[in-house]
Amino acid sequence: MKNVNISEEAYNEFKAFLEENKITDFNIRINFAGYACSGPVFNISLSEATDADEVEKMNDISFIYEKSLIEQFGGFIILSSDENEGNGLSLKPVIAPEGGCGGSCSGCH
């Protein structure tokens, strides 16, 4: 089952981003970083897989994530800048909980 969805355009942009930053190890961990007003927030880091992880290889890049994240968010969608309306690369969950702050967020724009 494919848990990381990425178009060819987004893949090429993401790989170029890694190469521009002189990253040669393409073992990329997707981490859950918490919630913001717009919903769940994720970050990426360089990492090696553990027994608690799933690994999904796409061409040269291995995406690593905890199995529990798939249960919670249903997988991930990586969008290119164009697919994200010009707002840069984006990583979103397939299943996004409603209202990241539970509606009690103040100061969020």
Protein backbone atom coordinates (compact mmCIF):
# COMPACT_ATOMS: atom_id res chain seq x y z
CA MET A 1 0.00 0.00 0.00
CA LYS A 2 1.26 3.43 -0.92
CA ASN A 3 1.25 5.71 2.14
CA VAL A 4 3.27 8.58 0.66
CA ASN A 5 1.69 10.22 -2.37
CA ILE A 6 3.95 12.49 -4.39
CA SER A 7 3.66 13.61 -8.00
CA GLU A 8 6.64 13.54 -10.32
CA GLU A 9 6.73 17.35 -10.20
CA ALA A 10 6.79 17.37 -6.37
CA TYR A 11 9.39 14.57 -6.29
CA ASN A 12 11.71 16.50 -8.62
CA GLU A 13 11.29 19.73 -6.62
CA PHE A 14 11.87 17.92 -3.31
CA LYS A 15 14.97 16.11 -4.60
CA ALA A 16 16.35 19.39 -5.99
CA PHE A 17 15.74 20.99 -2.56
CA LEU A 18 17.74 18.19 -0.91
CA GLU A 19 20.57 18.49 -3.42
CA GLU A 20 20.68 22.30 -3.11
CA ASN A 21 21.17 21.82 0.62
CA LYS A 22 23.99 19.34 -0.05
CA ILE A 23 22.04 16.41 1.37
CA THR A 24 23.29 13.19 -0.14
CA ASP A 25 21.60 10.71 2.23
CA PHE A 26 18.04 10.42 0.97
CA ASN A 27 16.65 8.62 4.06
CA ILE A 28 13.98 11.14 5.00
CA ARG A 29 11.94 10.76 8.19
CA ILE A 30 8.47 12.28 8.38
CA ASN A 31 7.84 13.41 11.97
CA PHE A 32 4.65 14.58 13.62
CA ALA A 33 5.45 17.96 15.21
CA GLY A 34 2.10 18.77 16.84
CA TYR A 35 -0.93 20.82 15.96
CA ALA A 36 -1.31 24.38 14.69
CA CYS A 37 -4.40 26.36 13.79
CA SER A 38 -4.40 24.84 10.32
CA GLY A 39 -4.19 21.27 11.64
CA PRO A 40 -1.37 18.77 12.14
CA VAL A 41 2.18 19.91 11.47
CA PHE A 42 4.95 17.64 10.19
CA ASN A 43 8.66 18.11 9.72
CA ILE A 44 11.33 16.07 8.02
CA SER A 45 14.78 14.99 9.11
CA LEU A 46 17.54 12.66 8.03
CA SER A 47 17.23 9.33 9.78
CA GLU A 48 17.58 5.58 9.72
CA ALA A 49 14.61 3.24 10.07
CA THR A 50 13.83 1.38 13.30
CA ASP A 51 11.56 -1.59 14.00
CA ALA A 52 8.70 0.85 14.75
CA ASP A 53 8.93 2.34 11.24
CA GLU A 54 7.66 1.78 7.75
CA VAL A 55 9.89 2.68 4.81
CA GLU A 56 8.57 3.63 1.40
CA LYS A 57 11.15 4.05 -1.35
CA MET A 58 10.42 6.28 -4.30
CA ASN A 59 13.19 6.38 -6.84
CA ASP A 60 16.21 7.68 -4.84
CA ILE A 61 14.33 8.83 -1.74
CA SER A 62 13.32 6.58 1.16
CA PHE A 63 10.50 8.04 3.23
CA ILE A 64 10.55 6.76 6.82
CA TYR A 65 7.65 7.17 9.24
CA GLU A 66 6.33 5.55 12.38
CA LYS A 67 3.63 2.97 11.67
CA SER A 68 1.34 4.70 14.18
CA LEU A 69 1.29 7.86 12.01
CA ILE A 70 -0.45 5.92 9.22
CA GLU A 71 -3.12 4.74 11.65
CA GLN A 72 -3.65 8.32 12.84
CA PHE A 73 -3.35 10.26 9.57
CA GLY A 74 -3.91 7.70 6.79
CA GLY A 75 -0.69 8.58 4.97
CA PHE A 76 0.89 11.69 3.52
CA ILE A 77 0.61 13.88 0.45
CA ILE A 78 3.62 15.90 -0.67
CA LEU A 79 2.73 18.83 -2.91
CA SER A 80 5.01 20.84 -5.18
CA SER A 81 5.01 24.64 -5.03
CA ASP A 82 2.65 24.78 -8.02
CA GLU A 83 0.33 22.15 -6.52
CA ASN A 84 0.37 24.19 -3.28
CA GLU A 85 -0.77 27.39 -5.03
CA GLY A 86 2.75 28.85 -5.10
CA ASN A 87 3.31 28.45 -1.36
CA GLY A 88 6.31 26.12 -1.54
CA LEU A 89 6.61 22.41 -0.93
CA SER A 90 4.03 21.07 1.47
CA LEU A 91 3.47 17.85 3.39
CA LYS A 92 -0.11 17.13 4.42
CA PRO A 93 -1.89 14.18 6.01
CA VAL A 94 -4.43 12.18 4.03
CA ILE A 95 -6.80 12.36 7.02
CA ALA A 96 -6.68 15.77 8.66
CA PRO A 97 -8.52 16.24 11.95
CA GLU A 98 -10.85 19.22 11.93
CA GLY A 99 -9.66 22.45 13.53
CA GLY A 100 -6.10 21.96 14.67
CA CYS A 101 -6.64 24.08 17.78
CA GLY A 102 -10.07 22.73 18.55
CA GLY A 103 -11.61 26.10 17.72
CA SER A 104 -10.00 27.78 20.73
CA CYS A 105 -7.01 29.19 18.94
CA SER A 106 -6.45 32.89 19.48
CA GLY A 107 -4.09 34.94 17.41
CA CYS A 108 -4.04 32.50 14.48
CA HIS A 109 -4.23 34.08 11.06
